[in-house]
Amino acid sequence: MKSHTTRGCEILNNIKDTWDQEYRKVSYDICRHHHERYDGKGYPDGLKGEDILISAQIVSLADVYDALVNERVYKSAFSREKAFRMIMTGECGVFSPKLLDCFRSVRKEFERLADTSL
């Protein structure tokens, strides 16, 4: 499971002559670092704090929220309220205080999008 970040980057590196360089770099950074944690306990590079690009931090938070509010083979879905509380209290990883402030302000949009997902 942990290798999906680096394996995804290998796939991106094999795509030639299709990507704008800036778009490729952002995509690569998100793919590689969306499981890094603000406290440095993530993977694959153990990045910490603001060393993690904001794009990867945003995808990480969205990924965690999605995993919490949707059923998985290993767990039932949590309520939107519980998922929000778990993220805000750090039960499922540490996020940037600034990112948490943003998440708080767009909470209803996250809930709306989660309700419309397939």
PDB file of N, CA and C in Angstrom:
ATOM      1  N   MET A   1       0.814  -1.198   0.000  1.00  0.00           N
ATOM      2  CA  MET A   1       0.000   0.000   0.000  1.00  0.00           C
ATOM      3  C   MET A   1       0.858   1.262   0.000  1.00  0.00           C
ATOM      4  N   LYS A   2       1.896   1.283   0.837  1.00  0.00           N
ATOM      5  CA  LYS A   2       2.723   2.487   0.919  1.00  0.00           C
ATOM      6  C   LYS A   2       3.489   2.772  -0.360  1.00  0.00           C
ATOM      7  N   SER A   3       3.669   1.784  -1.184  1.00  0.00           N
ATOM      8  CA  SER A   3       4.440   2.006  -2.414  1.00  0.00           C
ATOM      9  C   SER A   3       3.642   2.719  -3.497  1.00  0.00           C
ATOM     10  N   HIS A   4       2.338   2.912  -3.303  1.00  0.00           N
ATOM     11  CA  HIS A   4       1.561   3.536  -4.377  1.00  0.00           C
ATOM     12  C   HIS A   4       2.000   4.959  -4.663  1.00  0.00           C
ATOM     13  N   THR A   5       2.589   5.638  -3.684  1.00  0.00           N
ATOM     14  CA  THR A   5       3.049   7.005  -3.923  1.00  0.00           C
ATOM     15  C   THR A   5       4.240   7.012  -4.884  1.00  0.00           C
ATOM     16  N   THR A   6       5.202   6.170  -4.630  1.00  0.00           N
ATOM     17  CA  THR A   6       6.397   6.138  -5.482  1.00  0.00           C
ATOM     18  C   THR A   6       6.126   5.431  -6.805  1.00  0.00           C
ATOM     19  N   ARG A   7       5.277   4.414  -6.786  1.00  0.00           N
ATOM     20  CA  ARG A   7       4.930   3.725  -8.037  1.00  0.00           C
ATOM     21  C   ARG A   7       4.165   4.665  -8.969  1.00  0.00           C
ATOM     22  N   GLY A   8       3.285   5.452  -8.385  1.00  0.00           N
ATOM     23  CA  GLY A   8       2.564   6.449  -9.183  1.00  0.00           C
ATOM     24  C   GLY A   8       3.508   7.441  -9.834  1.00  0.00           C
ATOM     25  N   CYS A   9       4.538   7.843  -9.105  1.00  0.00           N
ATOM     26  CA  CYS A   9       5.535   8.761  -9.664  1.00  0.00           C
ATOM     27  C   CYS A   9       6.318   8.118 -10.797  1.00  0.00           C
ATOM     28  N   GLU A  10       6.599   6.836 -10.673  1.00  0.00           N
ATOM     29  CA  GLU A  10       7.277   6.128 -11.767  1.00  0.00           C
ATOM     30  C   GLU A  10       6.421   6.157 -13.033  1.00  0.00           C
ATOM     31  N   ILE A  11       5.141   5.966 -12.862  1.00  0.00           N
ATOM     32  CA  ILE A  11       4.228   6.010 -14.011  1.00  0.00           C
ATOM     33  C   ILE A  11       4.230   7.408 -14.620  1.00  0.00           C
ATOM     34  N   LEU A  12       4.138   8.429 -13.778  1.00  0.00           N
ATOM     35  CA  LEU A  12       4.153   9.805 -14.286  1.00  0.00           C
ATOM     36  C   LEU A  12       5.447  10.107 -15.038  1.00  0.00           C
ATOM     37  N   ASN A  13       6.562   9.604 -14.540  1.00  0.00           N
ATOM     38  CA  ASN A  13       7.851   9.843 -15.195  1.00  0.00           C
ATOM     39  C   ASN A  13       7.940   9.176 -16.562  1.00  0.00           C
ATOM     40  N   ASN A  14       7.122   8.161 -16.793  1.00  0.00           N
ATOM     41  CA  ASN A  14       7.137   7.469 -18.083  1.00  0.00           C
ATOM     42  C   ASN A  14       6.218   8.103 -19.117  1.00  0.00           C
ATOM     43  N   ILE A  15       5.457   9.097 -18.707  1.00  0.00           N
ATOM     44  CA  ILE A  15       4.599   9.811 -19.659  1.00  0.00           C
ATOM     45  C   ILE A  15       5.443  10.907 -20.296  1.00  0.00           C
ATOM     46  N   LYS A  16       5.650  10.817 -21.561  1.00  0.00           N
ATOM     47  CA  LYS A  16       6.518  11.763 -22.272  1.00  0.00           C
ATOM     48  C   LYS A  16       5.716  12.603 -23.266  1.00  0.00           C
ATOM     49  N   ASP A  17       6.178  13.823 -23.482  1.00  0.00           N
ATOM     50  CA  ASP A  17       5.678  14.701 -24.545  1.00  0.00           C
ATOM     51  C   ASP A  17       4.182  15.014 -24.448  1.00  0.00           C
ATOM     52  N   THR A  18       3.591  14.842 -23.293  1.00  0.00           N
ATOM     53  CA  THR A  18       2.163  15.095 -23.149  1.00  0.00           C
ATOM     54  C   THR A  18       1.887  16.215 -22.158  1.00  0.00           C
ATOM     55  N   TRP A  19       2.728  16.337 -21.180  1.00  0.00           N
ATOM     56  CA  TRP A  19       2.461  17.214 -20.055  1.00  0.00           C
ATOM     57  C   TRP A  19       3.175  18.545 -20.170  1.00  0.00           C
ATOM     58  N   ASP A  20       2.513  19.582 -19.785  1.00  0.00           N
ATOM     59  CA  ASP A  20       3.152  20.857 -19.515  1.00  0.00           C
ATOM     60  C   ASP A  20       4.043  20.641 -18.287  1.00  0.00           C
ATOM     61  N   GLN A  21       5.256  21.158 -18.285  1.00  0.00           N
ATOM     62  CA  GLN A  21       6.213  20.900 -17.200  1.00  0.00           C
ATOM     63  C   GLN A  21       5.672  21.295 -15.822  1.00  0.00           C
ATOM     64  N   GLU A  22       5.034  22.436 -15.739  1.00  0.00           N
ATOM     65  CA  GLU A  22       4.508  22.886 -14.442  1.00  0.00           C
ATOM     66  C   GLU A  22       3.404  21.942 -13.946  1.00  0.00           C
ATOM     67  N   TYR A  23       2.520  21.552 -14.846  1.00  0.00           N
ATOM     68  CA  TYR A  23       1.433  20.638 -14.503  1.00  0.00           C
ATOM     69  C   TYR A  23       1.999  19.282 -14.071  1.00  0.00           C
ATOM     70  N   ARG A  24       3.021  18.803 -14.769  1.00  0.00           N
ATOM     71  CA  ARG A  24       3.655  17.541 -14.428  1.00  0.00           C
ATOM     72  C   ARG A  24       4.289  17.604 -13.045  1.00  0.00           C
ATOM     73  N   LYS A  25       4.958  18.702 -12.730  1.00  0.00           N
ATOM     74  CA  LYS A  25       5.619  18.837 -11.431  1.00  0.00           C
ATOM     75  C   LYS A  25       4.605  18.837 -10.291  1.00  0.00           C
ATOM     76  N   VAL A  26       3.533  19.594 -10.445  1.00  0.00           N
ATOM     77  CA  VAL A  26       2.497  19.633  -9.402  1.00  0.00           C
ATOM     78  C   VAL A  26       1.876  18.250  -9.242  1.00  0.00           C
ATOM     79  N   SER A  27       1.571  17.591 -10.356  1.00  0.00           N
ATOM     80  CA  SER A  27       0.983  16.246 -10.303  1.00  0.00           C
ATOM     81  C   SER A  27       1.926  15.267  -9.615  1.00  0.00           C
ATOM     82  N   TYR A  28       3.199  15.344  -9.952  1.00  0.00           N
ATOM     83  CA  TYR A  28       4.214  14.472  -9.349  1.00  0.00           C
ATOM     84  C   TYR A  28       4.284  14.710  -7.838  1.00  0.00           C
ATOM     85  N   ASP A  29       4.330  15.978  -7.437  1.00  0.00           N
ATOM     86  CA  ASP A  29       4.432  16.294  -6.008  1.00  0.00           C
ATOM     87  C   ASP A  29       3.209  15.816  -5.230  1.00  0.00           C
ATOM     88  N   ILE A  30       2.030  15.974  -5.807  1.00  0.00           N
ATOM     89  CA  ILE A  30       0.814  15.487  -5.149  1.00  0.00           C
ATOM     90  C   ILE A  30       0.862  13.969  -5.028  1.00  0.00           C
ATOM     91  N   CYS A  31       1.191  13.310  -6.115  1.00  0.00           N
ATOM     92  CA  CYS A  31       1.245  11.848  -6.126  1.00  0.00           C
ATOM     93  C   CYS A  31       2.231  11.347  -5.071  1.00  0.00           C
ATOM     94  N   ARG A  32       3.395  11.934  -5.013  1.00  0.00           N
ATOM     95  CA  ARG A  32       4.444  11.460  -4.115  1.00  0.00           C
ATOM     96  C   ARG A  32       4.176  11.830  -2.651  1.00  0.00           C
ATOM     97  N   HIS A  33       3.600  12.995  -2.409  1.00  0.00           N
ATOM     98  CA  HIS A  33       3.577  13.515  -1.038  1.00  0.00           C
ATOM     99  C   HIS A  33       2.200  13.598  -0.379  1.00  0.00           C
ATOM    100  N   HIS A  34       1.165  13.030  -0.997  1.00  0.00           N
ATOM    101  CA  HIS A  34      -0.160  13.152  -0.384  1.00  0.00           C
ATOM    102  C   HIS A  34      -0.335  12.309   0.881  1.00  0.00           C
ATOM    103  N   HIS A  35       0.659  11.485   1.229  1.00  0.00           N
ATOM    104  CA  HIS A  35       0.621  10.752   2.498  1.00  0.00           C
ATOM    105  C   HIS A  35       1.682  11.237   3.485  1.00  0.00           C
ATOM    106  N   GLU A  36       2.322  12.354   3.175  1.00  0.00           N
ATOM    107  CA  GLU A  36       3.197  12.992   4.155  1.00  0.00           C
ATOM    108  C   GLU A  36       2.300  13.613   5.223  1.00  0.00           C
ATOM    109  N   ARG A  37       2.810  13.763   6.421  1.00  0.00           N
ATOM    110  CA  ARG A  37       2.038  14.317   7.527  1.00  0.00           C
ATOM    111  C   ARG A  37       2.739  15.540   8.091  1.00  0.00           C
ATOM    112  N   TYR A  38       1.950  16.495   8.491  1.00  0.00           N
ATOM    113  CA  TYR A  38       2.474  17.765   8.990  1.00  0.00           C
ATOM    114  C   TYR A  38       3.445  17.567  10.149  1.00  0.00           C
ATOM    115  N   ASP A  39       3.250  16.505  10.922  1.00  0.00           N
ATOM    116  CA  ASP A  39       4.137  16.224  12.055  1.00  0.00           C
ATOM    117  C   ASP A  39       5.367  15.412  11.657  1.00  0.00           C
ATOM    118  N   GLY A  40       5.527  15.097  10.376  1.00  0.00           N
ATOM    119  CA  GLY A  40       6.693  14.372   9.887  1.00  0.00           C
ATOM    120  C   GLY A  40       6.564  12.858   9.926  1.00  0.00           C
ATOM    121  N   LYS A  41       5.404  12.338  10.310  1.00  0.00           N
ATOM    122  CA  LYS A  41       5.234  10.891  10.458  1.00  0.00           C
ATOM    123  C   LYS A  41       4.635  10.215   9.231  1.00  0.00           C
ATOM    124  N   GLY A  42       4.651  10.905   8.102  1.00  0.00           N
ATOM    125  CA  GLY A  42       4.090  10.322   6.890  1.00  0.00           C
ATOM    126  C   GLY A  42       5.141   9.632   6.044  1.00  0.00           C
ATOM    127  N   TYR A  43       4.771   9.343   4.819  1.00  0.00           N
ATOM    128  CA  TYR A  43       5.662   8.657   3.886  1.00  0.00           C
ATOM    129  C   TYR A  43       5.437   9.196   2.482  1.00  0.00           C
ATOM    130  N   PRO A  44       6.355   9.057   1.558  1.00  0.00           N
ATOM    131  CA  PRO A  44       7.548   8.216   1.574  1.00  0.00           C
ATOM    132  C   PRO A  44       8.814   8.941   2.040  1.00  0.00           C
ATOM    133  N   ASP A  45       8.789  10.262   2.146  1.00  0.00           N
ATOM    134  CA  ASP A  45      10.024  11.005   2.414  1.00  0.00           C
ATOM    135  C   ASP A  45      10.116  11.578   3.824  1.00  0.00           C
ATOM    136  N   GLY A  46       9.096  11.404   4.634  1.00  0.00           N
ATOM    137  CA  GLY A  46       9.124  11.929   5.995  1.00  0.00           C
ATOM    138  C   GLY A  46       9.165  13.444   6.053  1.00  0.00           C
ATOM    139  N   LEU A  47       8.544  14.109   5.061  1.00  0.00           N
ATOM    140  CA  LEU A  47       8.508  15.567   5.069  1.00  0.00           C
ATOM    141  C   LEU A  47       7.684  16.060   6.247  1.00  0.00           C
ATOM    142  N   LYS A  48       7.976  17.287   6.663  1.00  0.00           N
ATOM    143  CA  LYS A  48       7.318  17.838   7.845  1.00  0.00           C
ATOM    144  C   LYS A  48       6.917  19.291   7.590  1.00  0.00           C
ATOM    145  N   GLY A  49       5.792  19.679   8.157  1.00  0.00           N
ATOM    146  CA  GLY A  49       5.367  21.074   8.132  1.00  0.00           C
ATOM    147  C   GLY A  49       5.252  21.642   6.733  1.00  0.00           C
ATOM    148  N   GLU A  50       5.765  22.848   6.592  1.00  0.00           N
ATOM    149  CA  GLU A  50       5.643  23.558   5.325  1.00  0.00           C
ATOM    150  C   GLU A  50       6.569  23.022   4.232  1.00  0.00           C
ATOM    151  N   ASP A  51       7.361  21.986   4.547  1.00  0.00           N
ATOM    152  CA  ASP A  51       8.135  21.322   3.494  1.00  0.00           C
ATOM    153  C   ASP A  51       7.219  20.533   2.561  1.00  0.00           C
ATOM    154  N   ILE A  52       5.993  20.287   3.007  1.00  0.00           N
ATOM    155  CA  ILE A  52       5.000  19.591   2.180  1.00  0.00           C
ATOM    156  C   ILE A  52       4.246  20.659   1.389  1.00  0.00           C
ATOM    157  N   LEU A  53       4.279  20.542   0.071  1.00  0.00           N
ATOM    158  CA  LEU A  53       3.578  21.539  -0.740  1.00  0.00           C
ATOM    159  C   LEU A  53       2.099  21.572  -0.397  1.00  0.00           C
ATOM    160  N   ILE A  54       1.530  22.757  -0.445  1.00  0.00           N
ATOM    161  CA  ILE A  54       0.124  22.937  -0.073  1.00  0.00           C
ATOM    162  C   ILE A  54      -0.795  22.078  -0.949  1.00  0.00           C
ATOM    163  N   SER A  55      -0.442  21.889  -2.216  1.00  0.00           N
ATOM    164  CA  SER A  55      -1.276  21.053  -3.094  1.00  0.00           C
ATOM    165  C   SER A  55      -1.367  19.628  -2.548  1.00  0.00           C
ATOM    166  N   ALA A  56      -0.264  19.080  -2.080  1.00  0.00           N
ATOM    167  CA  ALA A  56      -0.275  17.724  -1.517  1.00  0.00           C
ATOM    168  C   ALA A  56      -1.006  17.707  -0.178  1.00  0.00           C
ATOM    169  N   GLN A  57      -0.889  18.765   0.608  1.00  0.00           N
ATOM    170  CA  GLN A  57      -1.607  18.833   1.880  1.00  0.00           C
ATOM    171  C   GLN A  57      -3.117  18.847   1.654  1.00  0.00           C
ATOM    172  N   ILE A  58      -3.554  19.585   0.660  1.00  0.00           N
ATOM    173  CA  ILE A  58      -4.991  19.664   0.363  1.00  0.00           C
ATOM    174  C   ILE A  58      -5.514  18.305  -0.091  1.00  0.00           C
ATOM    175  N   VAL A  59      -4.799  17.651  -0.989  1.00  0.00           N
ATOM    176  CA  VAL A  59      -5.225  16.333  -1.456  1.00  0.00           C
ATOM    177  C   VAL A  59      -5.225  15.342  -0.296  1.00  0.00           C
ATOM    178  N   SER A  60      -4.268  15.440   0.593  1.00  0.00           N
ATOM    179  CA  SER A  60      -4.204  14.558   1.757  1.00  0.00           C
ATOM    180  C   SER A  60      -5.450  14.710   2.628  1.00  0.00           C
ATOM    181  N   LEU A  61      -5.830  15.944   2.907  1.00  0.00           N
ATOM    182  CA  LEU A  61      -7.011  16.172   3.736  1.00  0.00           C
ATOM    183  C   LEU A  61      -8.267  15.656   3.037  1.00  0.00           C
ATOM    184  N   ALA A  62      -8.390  15.918   1.753  1.00  0.00           N
ATOM    185  CA  ALA A  62      -9.555  15.430   0.999  1.00  0.00           C
ATOM    186  C   ALA A  62      -9.589  13.905   0.977  1.00  0.00           C
ATOM    187  N   ASP A  63      -8.433  13.288   0.840  1.00  0.00           N
ATOM    188  CA  ASP A  63      -8.335  11.826   0.822  1.00  0.00           C
ATOM    189  C   ASP A  63      -8.767  11.232   2.162  1.00  0.00           C
ATOM    190  N   VAL A  64      -8.318  11.836   3.251  1.00  0.00           N
ATOM    191  CA  VAL A  64      -8.695  11.362   4.586  1.00  0.00           C
ATOM    192  C   VAL A  64     -10.197  11.515   4.790  1.00  0.00           C
ATOM    193  N   TYR A  65     -10.737  12.680   4.431  1.00  0.00           N
ATOM    194  CA  TYR A  65     -12.173  12.901   4.585  1.00  0.00           C
ATOM    195  C   TYR A  65     -12.970  11.864   3.790  1.00  0.00           C
ATOM    196  N   ASP A  66     -12.570  11.645   2.548  1.00  0.00           N
ATOM    197  CA  ASP A  66     -13.250  10.669   1.702  1.00  0.00           C
ATOM    198  C   ASP A  66     -13.198   9.267   2.318  1.00  0.00           C
ATOM    199  N   ALA A  67     -12.033   8.899   2.830  1.00  0.00           N
ATOM    200  CA  ALA A  67     -11.890   7.567   3.443  1.00  0.00           C
ATOM    201  C   ALA A  67     -12.770   7.433   4.685  1.00  0.00           C
ATOM    202  N   LEU A  68     -12.931   8.521   5.425  1.00  0.00           N
ATOM    203  CA  LEU A  68     -13.736   8.458   6.653  1.00  0.00           C
ATOM    204  C   LEU A  68     -15.228   8.359   6.365  1.00  0.00           C
ATOM    205  N   VAL A  69     -15.717   9.132   5.396  1.00  0.00           N
ATOM    206  CA  VAL A  69     -17.169   9.209   5.195  1.00  0.00           C
ATOM    207  C   VAL A  69     -17.710   8.127   4.259  1.00  0.00           C
ATOM    208  N   ASN A  70     -16.825   7.323   3.702  1.00  0.00           N
ATOM    209  CA  ASN A  70     -17.269   6.250   2.818  1.00  0.00           C
ATOM    210  C   ASN A  70     -16.937   4.889   3.411  1.00  0.00           C
ATOM    211  N   GLU A  71     -17.813   3.953   3.142  1.00  0.00           N
ATOM    212  CA  GLU A  71     -17.597   2.576   3.605  1.00  0.00           C
ATOM    213  C   GLU A  71     -16.401   1.975   2.885  1.00  0.00           C
ATOM    214  N   ARG A  72     -15.652   1.191   3.598  1.00  0.00           N
ATOM    215  CA  ARG A  72     -14.540   0.432   3.039  1.00  0.00           C
ATOM    216  C   ARG A  72     -14.747  -1.025   3.439  1.00  0.00           C
ATOM    217  N   VAL A  73     -14.041  -1.939   2.812  1.00  0.00           N
ATOM    218  CA  VAL A  73     -14.212  -3.350   3.153  1.00  0.00           C
ATOM    219  C   VAL A  73     -13.816  -3.617   4.606  1.00  0.00           C
ATOM    220  N   TYR A  74     -13.004  -2.772   5.171  1.00  0.00           N
ATOM    221  CA  TYR A  74     -12.501  -2.966   6.533  1.00  0.00           C
ATOM    222  C   TYR A  74     -13.182  -2.080   7.569  1.00  0.00           C
ATOM    223  N   LYS A  75     -14.135  -1.217   7.146  1.00  0.00           N
ATOM    224  CA  LYS A  75     -14.807  -0.349   8.115  1.00  0.00           C
ATOM    225  C   LYS A  75     -16.092   0.230   7.543  1.00  0.00           C
ATOM    226  N   SER A  76     -16.981   0.598   8.441  1.00  0.00           N
ATOM    227  CA  SER A  76     -18.196   1.303   8.046  1.00  0.00           C
ATOM    228  C   SER A  76     -17.887   2.787   7.869  1.00  0.00           C
ATOM    229  N   ALA A  77     -18.757   3.480   7.170  1.00  0.00           N
ATOM    230  CA  ALA A  77     -18.594   4.921   6.985  1.00  0.00           C
ATOM    231  C   ALA A  77     -18.885   5.647   8.302  1.00  0.00           C
ATOM    232  N   PHE A  78     -18.125   6.692   8.555  1.00  0.00           N
ATOM    233  CA  PHE A  78     -18.404   7.563   9.687  1.00  0.00           C
ATOM    234  C   PHE A  78     -19.366   8.649   9.228  1.00  0.00           C
ATOM    235  N   SER A  79     -20.104   9.225  10.159  1.00  0.00           N
ATOM    236  CA  SER A  79     -20.973  10.351   9.827  1.00  0.00           C
ATOM    237  C   SER A  79     -20.113  11.543   9.415  1.00  0.00           C
ATOM    238  N   ARG A  80     -20.706  12.475   8.695  1.00  0.00           N
ATOM    239  CA  ARG A  80     -19.993  13.696   8.291  1.00  0.00           C
ATOM    240  C   ARG A  80     -19.489  14.447   9.530  1.00  0.00           C
ATOM    241  N   GLU A  81     -20.326  14.510  10.554  1.00  0.00           N
ATOM    242  CA  GLU A  81     -19.952  15.201  11.802  1.00  0.00           C
ATOM    243  C   GLU A  81     -18.751  14.539  12.460  1.00  0.00           C
ATOM    244  N   LYS A  82     -18.775  13.216  12.570  1.00  0.00           N
ATOM    245  CA  LYS A  82     -17.665  12.504  13.208  1.00  0.00           C
ATOM    246  C   LYS A  82     -16.380  12.647  12.389  1.00  0.00           C
ATOM    247  N   ALA A  83     -16.483  12.553  11.067  1.00  0.00           N
ATOM    248  CA  ALA A  83     -15.301  12.709  10.216  1.00  0.00           C
ATOM    249  C   ALA A  83     -14.691  14.094  10.397  1.00  0.00           C
ATOM    250  N   PHE A  84     -15.530  15.110  10.411  1.00  0.00           N
ATOM    251  CA  PHE A  84     -15.044  16.477  10.621  1.00  0.00           C
ATOM    252  C   PHE A  84     -14.327  16.572  11.968  1.00  0.00           C
ATOM    253  N   ARG A  85     -14.950  16.054  12.998  1.00  0.00           N
ATOM    254  CA  ARG A  85     -14.363  16.109  14.349  1.00  0.00           C
ATOM    255  C   ARG A  85     -13.038  15.338  14.409  1.00  0.00           C
ATOM    256  N   MET A  86     -12.976  14.186  13.776  1.00  0.00           N
ATOM    257  CA  MET A  86     -11.751  13.383  13.777  1.00  0.00           C
ATOM    258  C   MET A  86     -10.592  14.127  13.115  1.00  0.00           C
ATOM    259  N   ILE A  87     -10.890  14.799  12.019  1.00  0.00           N
ATOM    260  CA  ILE A  87      -9.847  15.565  11.331  1.00  0.00           C
ATOM    261  C   ILE A  87      -9.420  16.754  12.187  1.00  0.00           C
ATOM    262  N   MET A  88     -10.380  17.462  12.733  1.00  0.00           N
ATOM    263  CA  MET A  88     -10.058  18.663  13.508  1.00  0.00           C
ATOM    264  C   MET A  88      -9.298  18.346  14.794  1.00  0.00           C
ATOM    265  N   THR A  89      -9.530  17.179  15.378  1.00  0.00           N
ATOM    266  CA  THR A  89      -8.866  16.832  16.640  1.00  0.00           C
ATOM    267  C   THR A  89      -7.586  16.024  16.440  1.00  0.00           C
ATOM    268  N   GLY A  90      -7.256  15.718  15.180  1.00  0.00           N
ATOM    269  CA  GLY A  90      -6.024  14.994  14.904  1.00  0.00           C
ATOM    270  C   GLY A  90      -6.103  13.492  15.102  1.00  0.00           C
ATOM    271  N   GLU A  91      -7.319  12.948  15.185  1.00  0.00           N
ATOM    272  CA  GLU A  91      -7.472  11.497  15.356  1.00  0.00           C
ATOM    273  C   GLU A  91      -6.981  10.704  14.153  1.00  0.00           C
ATOM    274  N   CYS A  92      -6.898  11.346  13.005  1.00  0.00           N
ATOM    275  CA  CYS A  92      -6.497  10.628  11.792  1.00  0.00           C
ATOM    276  C   CYS A  92      -5.360  11.362  11.086  1.00  0.00           C
ATOM    277  N   GLY A  93      -4.447  11.895  11.859  1.00  0.00           N
ATOM    278  CA  GLY A  93      -3.290  12.585  11.297  1.00  0.00           C
ATOM    279  C   GLY A  93      -3.281  14.054  11.650  1.00  0.00           C
ATOM    280  N   VAL A  94      -2.109  14.622  11.589  1.00  0.00           N
ATOM    281  CA  VAL A  94      -1.931  16.032  11.929  1.00  0.00           C
ATOM    282  C   VAL A  94      -1.894  16.840  10.636  1.00  0.00           C
ATOM    283  N   PHE A  95      -2.677  17.902  10.602  1.00  0.00           N
ATOM    284  CA  PHE A  95      -2.715  18.796   9.442  1.00  0.00           C
ATOM    285  C   PHE A  95      -2.299  20.198   9.872  1.00  0.00           C
ATOM    286  N   SER A  96      -1.892  20.980   8.915  1.00  0.00           N
ATOM    287  CA  SER A  96      -1.512  22.377   9.149  1.00  0.00           C
ATOM    288  C   SER A  96      -2.669  23.128   9.801  1.00  0.00           C
ATOM    289  N   PRO A  97      -2.382  23.943  10.813  1.00  0.00           N
ATOM    290  CA  PRO A  97      -3.442  24.756  11.421  1.00  0.00           C
ATOM    291  C   PRO A  97      -4.143  25.653  10.390  1.00  0.00           C
ATOM    292  N   LYS A  98      -3.391  26.196   9.439  1.00  0.00           N
ATOM    293  CA  LYS A  98      -4.000  27.032   8.399  1.00  0.00           C
ATOM    294  C   LYS A  98      -4.939  26.214   7.526  1.00  0.00           C
ATOM    295  N   LEU A  99      -4.520  25.007   7.181  1.00  0.00           N
ATOM    296  CA  LEU A  99      -5.360  24.135   6.366  1.00  0.00           C
ATOM    297  C   LEU A  99      -6.627  23.748   7.125  1.00  0.00           C
ATOM    298  N   LEU A 100      -6.509  23.499   8.414  1.00  0.00           N
ATOM    299  CA  LEU A 100      -7.689  23.175   9.220  1.00  0.00           C
ATOM    300  C   LEU A 100      -8.655  24.355   9.285  1.00  0.00           C
ATOM    301  N   ASP A 101      -8.132  25.577   9.365  1.00  0.00           N
ATOM    302  CA  ASP A 101      -8.998  26.759   9.328  1.00  0.00           C
ATOM    303  C   ASP A 101      -9.763  26.826   8.010  1.00  0.00           C
ATOM    304  N   CYS A 102      -9.059  26.539   6.915  1.00  0.00           N
ATOM    305  CA  CYS A 102      -9.715  26.527   5.603  1.00  0.00           C
ATOM    306  C   CYS A 102     -10.764  25.425   5.533  1.00  0.00           C
ATOM    307  N   PHE A 103     -10.412  24.251   6.030  1.00  0.00           N
ATOM    308  CA  PHE A 103     -11.352  23.124   6.038  1.00  0.00           C
ATOM    309  C   PHE A 103     -12.614  23.485   6.818  1.00  0.00           C
ATOM    310  N   ARG A 104     -12.429  24.118   7.952  1.00  0.00           N
ATOM    311  CA  ARG A 104     -13.579  24.541   8.765  1.00  0.00           C
ATOM    312  C   ARG A 104     -14.490  25.465   7.957  1.00  0.00           C
ATOM    313  N   SER A 105     -13.894  26.359   7.183  1.00  0.00           N
ATOM    314  CA  SER A 105     -14.703  27.329   6.442  1.00  0.00           C
ATOM    315  C   SER A 105     -15.408  26.722   5.222  1.00  0.00           C
ATOM    316  N   VAL A 106     -14.916  25.592   4.713  1.00  0.00           N
ATOM    317  CA  VAL A 106     -15.540  24.961   3.538  1.00  0.00           C
ATOM    318  C   VAL A 106     -16.192  23.629   3.897  1.00  0.00           C
ATOM    319  N   ARG A 107     -16.402  23.410   5.154  1.00  0.00           N
ATOM    320  CA  ARG A 107     -16.967  22.136   5.616  1.00  0.00           C
ATOM    321  C   ARG A 107     -18.245  21.748   4.875  1.00  0.00           C
ATOM    322  N   LYS A 108     -19.158  22.668   4.725  1.00  0.00           N
ATOM    323  CA  LYS A 108     -20.444  22.365   4.076  1.00  0.00           C
ATOM    324  C   LYS A 108     -20.237  21.950   2.620  1.00  0.00           C
ATOM    325  N   GLU A 109     -19.246  22.540   1.959  1.00  0.00           N
ATOM    326  CA  GLU A 109     -18.947  22.156   0.581  1.00  0.00           C
ATOM    327  C   GLU A 109     -18.400  20.729   0.525  1.00  0.00           C
ATOM    328  N   PHE A 110     -17.538  20.358   1.468  1.00  0.00           N
ATOM    329  CA  PHE A 110     -17.046  18.974   1.542  1.00  0.00           C
ATOM    330  C   PHE A 110     -18.227  18.021   1.718  1.00  0.00           C
ATOM    331  N   GLU A 111     -19.150  18.363   2.615  1.00  0.00           N
ATOM    332  CA  GLU A 111     -20.307  17.506   2.857  1.00  0.00           C
ATOM    333  C   GLU A 111     -21.176  17.381   1.610  1.00  0.00           C
ATOM    334  N   ARG A 112     -21.380  18.502   0.922  1.00  0.00           N
ATOM    335  CA  ARG A 112     -22.186  18.481  -0.290  1.00  0.00           C
ATOM    336  C   ARG A 112     -21.528  17.595  -1.348  1.00  0.00           C
ATOM    337  N   LEU A 113     -20.216  17.741  -1.529  1.00  0.00           N
ATOM    338  CA  LEU A 113     -19.513  16.932  -2.516  1.00  0.00           C
ATOM    339  C   LEU A 113     -19.537  15.454  -2.137  1.00  0.00           C
ATOM    340  N   ALA A 114     -19.402  15.173  -0.873  1.00  0.00           N
ATOM    341  CA  ALA A 114     -19.444  13.767  -0.425  1.00  0.00           C
ATOM    342  C   ALA A 114     -20.816  13.163  -0.688  1.00  0.00           C
ATOM    343  N   ASP A 115     -21.858  13.955  -0.561  1.00  0.00           N
ATOM    344  CA  ASP A 115     -23.205  13.464  -0.824  1.00  0.00           C
ATOM    345  C   ASP A 115     -23.466  13.190  -2.298  1.00  0.00           C
ATOM    346  N   THR A 116     -22.689  13.840  -3.178  1.00  0.00           N
ATOM    347  CA  THR A 116     -22.913  13.650  -4.608  1.00  0.00           C
ATOM    348  C   THR A 116     -21.941  12.663  -5.246  1.00  0.00           C
ATOM    349  N   SER A 117     -20.992  12.139  -4.453  1.00  0.00           N
ATOM    350  CA  SER A 117     -20.013  11.219  -5.042  1.00  0.00           C
ATOM    351  C   SER A 117     -20.669   9.894  -5.379  1.00  0.00           C
ATOM    352  N   LEU A 118     -20.069   9.223  -6.328  1.00  0.00           N
ATOM    353  CA  LEU A 118     -20.639   7.939  -6.771  1.00  0.00           C
ATOM    354  C   LEU A 118     -20.114   6.802  -5.946  1.00  0.00           C
TER     355      LEU A 118
END
